[in-house]
Protein backbone atom coordinates (compact mmCIF):
# COMPACT_ATOMS: atom_id res chain seq x y z
CA MET A 1 33.38 2.56 28.16
CA SER A 2 32.13 -0.21 30.34
CA PHE A 3 29.51 -2.79 29.46
CA LYS A 4 26.99 -1.04 31.73
CA ASP A 5 27.45 2.23 29.85
CA VAL A 6 26.93 0.54 26.49
CA MET A 7 23.78 -1.21 27.72
CA PHE A 8 22.45 2.03 29.18
CA TYR A 9 22.86 3.84 25.86
CA LEU A 10 21.31 0.95 23.92
CA VAL A 11 18.27 0.92 26.20
CA CYS A 12 17.92 4.69 25.89
CA ALA A 13 18.14 4.47 22.11
CA ALA A 14 15.56 1.68 22.04
CA THR A 15 13.24 3.73 24.21
CA TRP A 16 13.50 6.89 22.11
CA PHE A 17 13.50 5.36 18.65
CA ILE A 18 11.28 2.27 19.08
CA LEU A 19 8.98 2.46 22.08
CA LEU A 20 8.20 6.18 22.13
CA PRO A 21 6.95 6.30 18.50
CA LEU A 22 4.85 3.18 19.09
CA VAL A 23 3.22 4.74 22.14
CA LEU A 24 2.61 8.03 20.32
CA VAL A 25 1.13 6.35 17.24
CA GLY A 26 -1.01 4.05 19.38
CA GLY A 27 -2.27 6.93 21.52
CA THR A 28 -2.98 9.05 18.46
CA SER A 29 -4.92 6.26 16.80
CA LEU A 30 -7.04 5.66 19.92
CA VAL A 31 -7.83 9.36 20.28
CA SER A 32 -8.70 9.72 16.60
CA TYR A 33 -10.92 6.62 16.72
CA ALA A 34 -12.82 8.03 19.72
CA LEU A 35 -13.08 11.46 18.10
CA PHE A 36 -14.40 10.16 14.79
CA SER A 37 -16.85 7.85 16.57
CA GLU A 38 -18.28 10.79 18.48
CA LEU A 39 -18.45 12.90 15.31
CA ARG A 40 -20.22 10.10 13.44
CA GLU A 41 -22.75 9.82 16.23
CA TYR A 42 -23.25 13.59 16.28
CA PHE A 43 -23.62 14.14 12.53
CA LEU A 44 -25.32 10.91 11.44
CA GLY A 45 -27.37 10.27 14.54
CA ARG A 46 -26.12 6.71 14.81
CA THR A 47 -25.56 5.48 18.31
CA ALA A 48 -22.75 3.24 19.40
CA LYS A 49 -23.16 -0.51 18.94
CA ALA A 50 -22.98 -1.21 22.66
CA LEU A 51 -26.03 -2.84 24.19
CA ASP A 52 -26.40 -0.12 26.78
CA ASN A 53 -24.60 3.17 26.17
CA ALA A 54 -24.93 4.27 29.79
CA ALA A 55 -23.33 1.05 31.00
CA ALA A 56 -20.54 1.34 28.43
CA ARG A 57 -19.81 4.92 29.49
CA GLU A 58 -19.78 3.96 33.15
CA MET A 59 -17.36 1.11 32.46
CA ALA A 60 -15.08 3.44 30.50
CA ARG A 61 -15.24 6.03 33.26
CA ARG A 62 -14.29 3.46 35.89
CA MET A 63 -11.46 2.12 33.75
CA CYS A 64 -10.03 5.60 33.18
CA LEU A 65 -10.39 6.82 36.75
CA GLY A 66 -9.47 3.56 38.44
CA SER A 67 -10.68 3.11 41.98
CA ALA A 68 -11.08 6.87 42.45
CA GLY A 69 -14.12 6.83 40.14
CA ARG A 70 -16.32 4.93 42.56
């Protein structure tokens, strides 16, 4: 096996066993945070702590859609 092959397999292993779980856990935590925030607002009637909810939603929409959201 050459050095390139060894490095390729090490990078693949790092991707599968280190980076992929971090991305999945991070994504899951963000989704659960958003879900529980919406549920709290729905059940308790508490609004978000943003100064202007419409402005915060518009900013989030633009961030998620990129330039296509304009």
